[in-house]
Amino acid sequence: QAVKLAAIAGAESGYNPKARNPDASTGDNSYGLWQINMLGAMGPERLKLFGITSNDQLLDPETNARAALMILERLGYGAWSVYRSGRYLDFKK
């Protein structure tokens, strides 16, 4: 599981903990290593779920990792488009 999650982070953010994708036109308002999407109504729900008060807190690697694990538990690996497309495999070692 750890190797797969690390590969997803690589594909999502290039391992950049400060990565940010604010392009709502593509359905994104994503933060950090695992590009946690906070777009629209999802944002307030996830703030509460993750126990944070600001989207910018997801730029902290530890907070982002905890959020990614919560998403994984609820939605599985398919929550990440790089997993569904197989692009994460380029980062799997």
N, C-alpha and C. Protein backbone atom coordinates (compact mmCIF):
# COMPACT_ATOMS: atom_id res chain seq x y z
N GLN A 1 0.82 -1.20 0.00
CA GLN A 1 0.00 0.00 0.00
C GLN A 1 0.86 1.25 0.00
N ALA A 2 1.92 1.29 0.78
CA ALA A 2 2.76 2.49 0.88
C ALA A 2 3.41 2.83 -0.45
N VAL A 3 3.88 1.81 -1.17
CA VAL A 3 4.53 2.05 -2.46
C VAL A 3 3.52 2.60 -3.46
N LYS A 4 2.33 2.05 -3.47
CA LYS A 4 1.28 2.51 -4.38
C LYS A 4 0.89 3.96 -4.05
N LEU A 5 0.73 4.26 -2.77
CA LEU A 5 0.38 5.64 -2.38
C LEU A 5 1.50 6.62 -2.73
N ALA A 6 2.74 6.20 -2.54
CA ALA A 6 3.86 7.06 -2.90
C ALA A 6 3.88 7.32 -4.41
N ALA A 7 3.60 6.30 -5.19
CA ALA A 7 3.56 6.45 -6.64
C ALA A 7 2.43 7.39 -7.06
N ILE A 8 1.30 7.31 -6.39
CA ILE A 8 0.19 8.21 -6.68
C ILE A 8 0.60 9.65 -6.38
N ALA A 9 1.29 9.88 -5.27
CA ALA A 9 1.77 11.22 -4.93
C ALA A 9 2.72 11.73 -6.01
N GLY A 10 3.59 10.87 -6.49
CA GLY A 10 4.52 11.28 -7.55
C GLY A 10 3.79 11.69 -8.81
N ALA A 11 2.82 10.89 -9.21
CA ALA A 11 2.07 11.19 -10.42
C ALA A 11 1.19 12.42 -10.25
N GLU A 12 0.63 12.61 -9.06
CA GLU A 12 -0.26 13.74 -8.82
C GLU A 12 0.49 15.07 -8.71
N SER A 13 1.61 15.08 -7.99
CA SER A 13 2.26 16.35 -7.66
C SER A 13 3.74 16.42 -8.00
N GLY A 14 4.30 15.34 -8.55
CA GLY A 14 5.75 15.33 -8.76
C GLY A 14 6.50 15.36 -7.44
N TYR A 15 5.86 14.86 -6.38
CA TYR A 15 6.39 14.84 -5.02
C TYR A 15 6.61 16.25 -4.45
N ASN A 16 5.87 17.22 -4.96
CA ASN A 16 5.97 18.59 -4.48
C ASN A 16 4.87 18.83 -3.44
N PRO A 17 5.23 18.97 -2.16
CA PRO A 17 4.20 19.15 -1.13
C PRO A 17 3.43 20.46 -1.26
N LYS A 18 3.96 21.41 -2.01
CA LYS A 18 3.29 22.71 -2.18
C LYS A 18 2.53 22.78 -3.51
N ALA A 19 2.39 21.65 -4.21
CA ALA A 19 1.68 21.64 -5.49
C ALA A 19 0.24 22.11 -5.30
N ARG A 20 -0.23 22.85 -6.29
CA ARG A 20 -1.59 23.40 -6.21
C ARG A 20 -2.17 23.43 -7.61
N ASN A 21 -3.38 22.95 -7.78
CA ASN A 21 -4.09 23.01 -9.05
C ASN A 21 -5.43 23.70 -8.81
N PRO A 22 -5.51 24.99 -9.14
CA PRO A 22 -6.74 25.74 -8.90
C PRO A 22 -7.68 25.80 -10.11
N ASP A 23 -7.51 24.92 -11.09
CA ASP A 23 -8.25 24.99 -12.35
C ASP A 23 -9.64 24.37 -12.23
N ALA A 24 -10.60 25.16 -11.76
CA ALA A 24 -11.97 24.67 -11.58
C ALA A 24 -12.59 24.22 -12.90
N SER A 25 -12.09 24.74 -14.03
CA SER A 25 -12.65 24.34 -15.32
C SER A 25 -12.39 22.86 -15.62
N THR A 26 -11.39 22.28 -14.97
CA THR A 26 -11.12 20.84 -15.14
C THR A 26 -11.61 20.04 -13.94
N GLY A 27 -12.36 20.72 -13.06
CA GLY A 27 -12.90 20.04 -11.88
C GLY A 27 -11.91 19.97 -10.74
N ASP A 28 -10.94 20.88 -10.72
CA ASP A 28 -9.90 20.83 -9.70
C ASP A 28 -9.85 22.07 -8.83
N ASN A 29 -9.56 21.83 -7.59
CA ASN A 29 -9.12 22.82 -6.60
C ASN A 29 -8.32 22.00 -5.61
N SER A 30 -7.15 21.55 -6.08
CA SER A 30 -6.41 20.48 -5.41
C SER A 30 -5.13 20.97 -4.78
N TYR A 31 -4.76 20.29 -3.67
CA TYR A 31 -3.66 20.73 -2.81
C TYR A 31 -2.72 19.59 -2.46
N GLY A 32 -1.42 19.89 -2.49
CA GLY A 32 -0.41 19.04 -1.88
C GLY A 32 -0.01 17.80 -2.64
N LEU A 33 0.70 16.94 -1.93
CA LEU A 33 1.29 15.73 -2.51
C LEU A 33 0.28 14.85 -3.23
N TRP A 34 -0.86 14.62 -2.61
CA TRP A 34 -1.87 13.73 -3.19
C TRP A 34 -2.97 14.52 -3.89
N GLN A 35 -2.74 15.81 -4.09
CA GLN A 35 -3.69 16.67 -4.78
C GLN A 35 -5.11 16.44 -4.29
N ILE A 36 -5.33 16.72 -3.02
CA ILE A 36 -6.62 16.57 -2.38
C ILE A 36 -7.56 17.65 -2.94
N ASN A 37 -8.62 17.20 -3.61
CA ASN A 37 -9.54 18.12 -4.26
C ASN A 37 -10.54 18.69 -3.26
N MET A 38 -10.66 20.01 -3.26
CA MET A 38 -11.55 20.71 -2.34
C MET A 38 -12.58 21.54 -3.10
N LEU A 39 -12.88 21.17 -4.31
CA LEU A 39 -13.77 21.93 -5.19
C LEU A 39 -15.21 21.92 -4.68
N GLY A 40 -15.83 23.07 -4.73
CA GLY A 40 -17.26 23.21 -4.47
C GLY A 40 -17.69 22.72 -3.10
N ALA A 41 -18.83 22.03 -3.08
CA ALA A 41 -19.41 21.55 -1.83
C ALA A 41 -18.52 20.53 -1.13
N MET A 42 -17.65 19.89 -1.90
CA MET A 42 -16.72 18.92 -1.32
C MET A 42 -15.82 19.59 -0.29
N GLY A 43 -15.44 20.85 -0.54
CA GLY A 43 -14.51 21.55 0.33
C GLY A 43 -14.94 21.61 1.79
N PRO A 44 -16.09 22.21 2.09
CA PRO A 44 -16.51 22.30 3.49
C PRO A 44 -16.69 20.93 4.15
N GLU A 45 -17.20 19.97 3.40
CA GLU A 45 -17.36 18.61 3.96
C GLU A 45 -16.01 18.02 4.33
N ARG A 46 -15.04 18.22 3.44
CA ARG A 46 -13.71 17.65 3.69
C ARG A 46 -12.96 18.40 4.78
N LEU A 47 -13.14 19.71 4.87
CA LEU A 47 -12.51 20.45 5.97
C LEU A 47 -12.92 19.81 7.30
N LYS A 48 -14.22 19.57 7.44
CA LYS A 48 -14.74 18.96 8.67
C LYS A 48 -14.18 17.55 8.84
N LEU A 49 -14.22 16.75 7.79
CA LEU A 49 -13.72 15.37 7.84
C LEU A 49 -12.25 15.33 8.25
N PHE A 50 -11.45 16.21 7.66
CA PHE A 50 -10.00 16.19 7.92
C PHE A 50 -9.64 16.91 9.22
N GLY A 51 -10.58 17.62 9.82
CA GLY A 51 -10.31 18.33 11.06
C GLY A 51 -9.40 19.53 10.88
N ILE A 52 -9.57 20.22 9.74
CA ILE A 52 -8.76 21.41 9.45
C ILE A 52 -9.70 22.59 9.20
N THR A 53 -9.14 23.79 9.20
CA THR A 53 -9.95 24.99 9.03
C THR A 53 -9.68 25.72 7.73
N SER A 54 -8.65 25.31 6.99
CA SER A 54 -8.26 25.99 5.76
C SER A 54 -7.71 24.98 4.75
N ASN A 55 -8.06 25.19 3.49
CA ASN A 55 -7.51 24.33 2.42
C ASN A 55 -5.99 24.37 2.41
N ASP A 56 -5.41 25.53 2.71
CA ASP A 56 -3.96 25.67 2.68
C ASP A 56 -3.25 24.74 3.66
N GLN A 57 -3.95 24.28 4.68
CA GLN A 57 -3.35 23.33 5.61
C GLN A 57 -2.99 22.02 4.90
N LEU A 58 -3.63 21.76 3.76
CA LEU A 58 -3.32 20.55 3.00
C LEU A 58 -1.97 20.63 2.30
N LEU A 59 -1.32 21.79 2.35
CA LEU A 59 0.02 21.92 1.79
C LEU A 59 1.08 21.39 2.76
N ASP A 60 0.67 21.09 3.98
CA ASP A 60 1.54 20.43 4.95
C ASP A 60 1.55 18.94 4.62
N PRO A 61 2.72 18.34 4.38
CA PRO A 61 2.78 16.94 3.97
C PRO A 61 2.09 15.97 4.93
N GLU A 62 2.23 16.19 6.22
CA GLU A 62 1.61 15.27 7.19
C GLU A 62 0.08 15.37 7.14
N THR A 63 -0.43 16.58 7.07
CA THR A 63 -1.88 16.79 6.97
C THR A 63 -2.40 16.19 5.67
N ASN A 64 -1.66 16.40 4.59
CA ASN A 64 -2.07 15.87 3.29
C ASN A 64 -2.09 14.35 3.29
N ALA A 65 -1.09 13.75 3.93
CA ALA A 65 -1.03 12.29 4.00
C ALA A 65 -2.21 11.73 4.80
N ARG A 66 -2.54 12.37 5.91
CA ARG A 66 -3.70 11.93 6.70
C ARG A 66 -4.98 12.03 5.87
N ALA A 67 -5.13 13.13 5.13
CA ALA A 67 -6.31 13.31 4.29
C ALA A 67 -6.35 12.24 3.20
N ALA A 68 -5.20 11.96 2.60
CA ALA A 68 -5.15 10.94 1.55
C ALA A 68 -5.56 9.57 2.09
N LEU A 69 -5.13 9.24 3.30
CA LEU A 69 -5.52 7.96 3.90
C LEU A 69 -7.02 7.91 4.17
N MET A 70 -7.59 9.03 4.59
CA MET A 70 -9.04 9.06 4.81
C MET A 70 -9.79 8.85 3.49
N ILE A 71 -9.30 9.48 2.45
CA ILE A 71 -9.93 9.32 1.13
C ILE A 71 -9.77 7.88 0.67
N LEU A 72 -8.60 7.32 0.85
CA LEU A 72 -8.36 5.93 0.46
C LEU A 72 -9.33 4.99 1.18
N GLU A 73 -9.50 5.19 2.48
CA GLU A 73 -10.40 4.34 3.26
C GLU A 73 -11.84 4.44 2.77
N ARG A 74 -12.26 5.62 2.36
CA ARG A 74 -13.65 5.83 1.96
C ARG A 74 -13.91 5.52 0.49
N LEU A 75 -12.98 5.86 -0.37
CA LEU A 75 -13.23 5.78 -1.81
C LEU A 75 -12.32 4.80 -2.56
N GLY A 76 -11.27 4.35 -1.91
CA GLY A 76 -10.33 3.45 -2.58
C GLY A 76 -9.38 4.21 -3.50
N TYR A 77 -8.49 3.47 -4.14
CA TYR A 77 -7.48 4.07 -5.01
C TYR A 77 -8.11 4.80 -6.20
N GLY A 78 -9.29 4.37 -6.60
CA GLY A 78 -9.96 4.98 -7.74
C GLY A 78 -10.31 6.45 -7.54
N ALA A 79 -10.14 6.96 -6.33
CA ALA A 79 -10.36 8.39 -6.08
C ALA A 79 -9.37 9.24 -6.85
N TRP A 80 -8.24 8.67 -7.24
CA TRP A 80 -7.20 9.40 -7.97
C TRP A 80 -7.22 9.01 -9.44
N SER A 81 -7.34 10.00 -10.30
CA SER A 81 -7.38 9.75 -11.74
C SER A 81 -6.09 9.12 -12.24
N VAL A 82 -4.96 9.42 -11.59
CA VAL A 82 -3.69 8.83 -12.03
C VAL A 82 -3.65 7.33 -11.76
N TYR A 83 -4.43 6.88 -10.80
CA TYR A 83 -4.55 5.44 -10.54
C TYR A 83 -5.44 4.81 -11.61
N ARG A 84 -6.59 5.43 -11.85
CA ARG A 84 -7.53 4.89 -12.83
C ARG A 84 -6.90 4.82 -14.22
N SER A 85 -6.06 5.80 -14.55
CA SER A 85 -5.43 5.83 -15.87
C SER A 85 -4.18 4.95 -15.95
N GLY A 86 -3.64 4.59 -14.78
CA GLY A 86 -2.40 3.81 -14.74
C GLY A 86 -1.14 4.66 -14.77
N ARG A 87 -1.30 5.98 -14.82
CA ARG A 87 -0.13 6.88 -14.89
C ARG A 87 0.76 6.78 -13.65
N TYR A 88 0.18 6.37 -12.53
CA TYR A 88 0.97 6.23 -11.31
C TYR A 88 2.06 5.17 -11.45
N LEU A 89 1.87 4.23 -12.36
CA LEU A 89 2.85 3.15 -12.55
C LEU A 89 4.21 3.68 -12.98
N ASP A 90 4.25 4.85 -13.63
CA ASP A 90 5.52 5.46 -14.02
C ASP A 90 6.35 5.86 -12.81
N PHE A 91 5.72 5.96 -11.64
CA PHE A 91 6.39 6.39 -10.42
C PHE A 91 6.59 5.25 -9.43
N LYS A 92 6.09 4.07 -9.78
CA LYS A 92 6.19 2.93 -8.87
C LYS A 92 7.54 2.27 -9.04
N LYS A 93 8.25 2.11 -7.95
CA LYS A 93 9.60 1.52 -8.02
C LYS A 93 9.62 0.21 -7.31
